[in-house]
Amino acid sequence: MKTLWSRLSTHARAIGLTAALLWATFLIFSLVTHWPVQCFGQVCLWRLP
């Protein structure tokens, strides 16, 4: 039981790290290709993916 739990926690950590890396890559790609901010006068709206 304990080995199964530790294995699951390790998998969850790896999945979380992979998701964070993918999210960071996507944000950097979004910033490089198209700045995700639309400004209307003095009001800037962040378009979140």
N, C-alpha and C. Protein backbone atom coordinates (compact mmCIF):
# COMPACT_ATOMS: atom_id res chain seq x y z
N MET A 1 0.84 -1.20 0.00
CA MET A 1 0.00 0.00 0.00
C MET A 1 0.87 1.25 0.00
N LYS A 2 1.91 1.23 0.82
CA LYS A 2 2.76 2.41 0.91
C LYS A 2 3.54 2.61 -0.39
N THR A 3 3.99 1.49 -0.98
CA THR A 3 4.75 1.62 -2.22
C THR A 3 3.85 2.16 -3.33
N LEU A 4 2.59 1.71 -3.36
CA LEU A 4 1.65 2.20 -4.36
C LEU A 4 1.43 3.69 -4.19
N TRP A 5 1.29 4.14 -2.94
CA TRP A 5 1.05 5.55 -2.66
C TRP A 5 2.24 6.40 -3.07
N SER A 6 3.45 5.93 -2.77
CA SER A 6 4.64 6.69 -3.14
C SER A 6 4.79 6.75 -4.65
N ARG A 7 4.45 5.64 -5.32
CA ARG A 7 4.52 5.62 -6.78
C ARG A 7 3.53 6.61 -7.38
N LEU A 8 2.30 6.66 -6.81
CA LEU A 8 1.29 7.60 -7.29
C LEU A 8 1.72 9.04 -7.07
N SER A 9 2.31 9.32 -5.91
CA SER A 9 2.74 10.68 -5.64
C SER A 9 3.88 11.09 -6.58
N THR A 10 4.76 10.14 -6.91
CA THR A 10 5.84 10.43 -7.85
C THR A 10 5.27 10.72 -9.23
N HIS A 11 4.28 9.94 -9.65
CA HIS A 11 3.65 10.19 -10.94
C HIS A 11 2.95 11.54 -10.96
N ALA A 12 2.27 11.88 -9.86
CA ALA A 12 1.57 13.16 -9.79
C ALA A 12 2.56 14.32 -9.88
N ARG A 13 3.71 14.17 -9.22
CA ARG A 13 4.72 15.22 -9.27
C ARG A 13 5.25 15.38 -10.68
N ALA A 14 5.51 14.27 -11.36
CA ALA A 14 6.02 14.32 -12.73
C ALA A 14 4.99 14.95 -13.66
N ILE A 15 3.71 14.59 -13.47
CA ILE A 15 2.65 15.15 -14.31
C ILE A 15 2.53 16.65 -14.07
N GLY A 16 2.61 17.05 -12.80
CA GLY A 16 2.53 18.48 -12.48
C GLY A 16 3.69 19.26 -13.09
N LEU A 17 4.89 18.68 -13.02
CA LEU A 17 6.06 19.34 -13.58
C LEU A 17 5.93 19.46 -15.10
N THR A 18 5.46 18.39 -15.74
CA THR A 18 5.27 18.42 -17.19
C THR A 18 4.23 19.46 -17.58
N ALA A 19 3.13 19.52 -16.83
CA ALA A 19 2.08 20.50 -17.12
C ALA A 19 2.61 21.92 -16.95
N ALA A 20 3.41 22.15 -15.92
CA ALA A 20 3.98 23.48 -15.70
C ALA A 20 4.92 23.87 -16.85
N LEU A 21 5.73 22.91 -17.30
CA LEU A 21 6.64 23.18 -18.42
C LEU A 21 5.86 23.48 -19.69
N LEU A 22 4.80 22.71 -19.96
CA LEU A 22 3.98 22.95 -21.14
C LEU A 22 3.31 24.31 -21.07
N TRP A 23 2.80 24.68 -19.90
CA TRP A 23 2.13 25.96 -19.72
C TRP A 23 3.11 27.10 -19.94
N ALA A 24 4.33 26.99 -19.37
CA ALA A 24 5.35 28.03 -19.55
C ALA A 24 5.74 28.15 -21.02
N THR A 25 5.90 27.01 -21.69
CA THR A 25 6.25 27.02 -23.11
C THR A 25 5.16 27.69 -23.92
N PHE A 26 3.90 27.37 -23.61
CA PHE A 26 2.78 27.96 -24.32
C PHE A 26 2.71 29.47 -24.10
N LEU A 27 2.95 29.91 -22.86
CA LEU A 27 2.92 31.34 -22.58
C LEU A 27 4.03 32.07 -23.32
N ILE A 28 5.25 31.50 -23.32
CA ILE A 28 6.37 32.12 -24.03
C ILE A 28 6.07 32.17 -25.52
N PHE A 29 5.54 31.08 -26.07
CA PHE A 29 5.19 31.04 -27.48
C PHE A 29 4.13 32.09 -27.80
N SER A 30 3.15 32.23 -26.92
CA SER A 30 2.09 33.22 -27.12
C SER A 30 2.66 34.63 -27.09
N LEU A 31 3.58 34.89 -26.17
CA LEU A 31 4.17 36.22 -26.08
C LEU A 31 5.03 36.53 -27.30
N VAL A 32 5.75 35.52 -27.80
CA VAL A 32 6.64 35.74 -28.94
C VAL A 32 5.83 35.94 -30.22
N THR A 33 4.82 35.10 -30.43
CA THR A 33 4.09 35.16 -31.70
C THR A 33 3.08 36.30 -31.71
N HIS A 34 2.31 36.44 -30.63
CA HIS A 34 1.28 37.48 -30.60
C HIS A 34 1.08 37.93 -29.17
N TRP A 35 1.40 39.20 -28.91
CA TRP A 35 1.29 39.72 -27.54
C TRP A 35 -0.16 39.65 -27.09
N PRO A 36 -0.46 38.90 -26.01
CA PRO A 36 -1.86 38.64 -25.64
C PRO A 36 -2.52 39.78 -24.89
N VAL A 37 -2.19 41.03 -25.26
CA VAL A 37 -2.80 42.17 -24.59
C VAL A 37 -3.43 43.06 -25.64
N GLN A 38 -4.68 43.38 -25.44
CA GLN A 38 -5.35 44.31 -26.33
C GLN A 38 -5.63 45.59 -25.56
N CYS A 39 -5.13 46.70 -26.06
CA CYS A 39 -5.31 47.97 -25.37
C CYS A 39 -6.32 48.83 -26.10
N PHE A 40 -7.30 49.30 -25.36
CA PHE A 40 -8.28 50.24 -25.89
C PHE A 40 -8.13 51.53 -25.09
N GLY A 41 -7.43 52.50 -25.67
CA GLY A 41 -7.17 53.74 -24.93
C GLY A 41 -6.23 53.46 -23.78
N GLN A 42 -6.70 53.67 -22.55
CA GLN A 42 -5.88 53.43 -21.37
C GLN A 42 -6.19 52.09 -20.72
N VAL A 43 -7.16 51.35 -21.27
CA VAL A 43 -7.58 50.09 -20.66
C VAL A 43 -6.97 48.92 -21.42
N CYS A 44 -6.20 48.10 -20.74
CA CYS A 44 -5.59 46.94 -21.36
C CYS A 44 -6.26 45.68 -20.82
N LEU A 45 -6.68 44.83 -21.75
CA LEU A 45 -7.33 43.58 -21.36
C LEU A 45 -6.41 42.41 -21.68
N TRP A 46 -6.15 41.59 -20.67
CA TRP A 46 -5.34 40.39 -20.89
C TRP A 46 -6.25 39.28 -21.42
N ARG A 47 -5.89 38.76 -22.59
CA ARG A 47 -6.66 37.65 -23.14
C ARG A 47 -5.99 36.36 -22.69
N LEU A 48 -6.58 35.71 -21.70
CA LEU A 48 -6.03 34.47 -21.19
C LEU A 48 -6.46 33.30 -22.06
N PRO A 49 -5.52 32.38 -22.33
CA PRO A 49 -5.86 31.21 -23.16
C PRO A 49 -6.82 30.27 -22.45
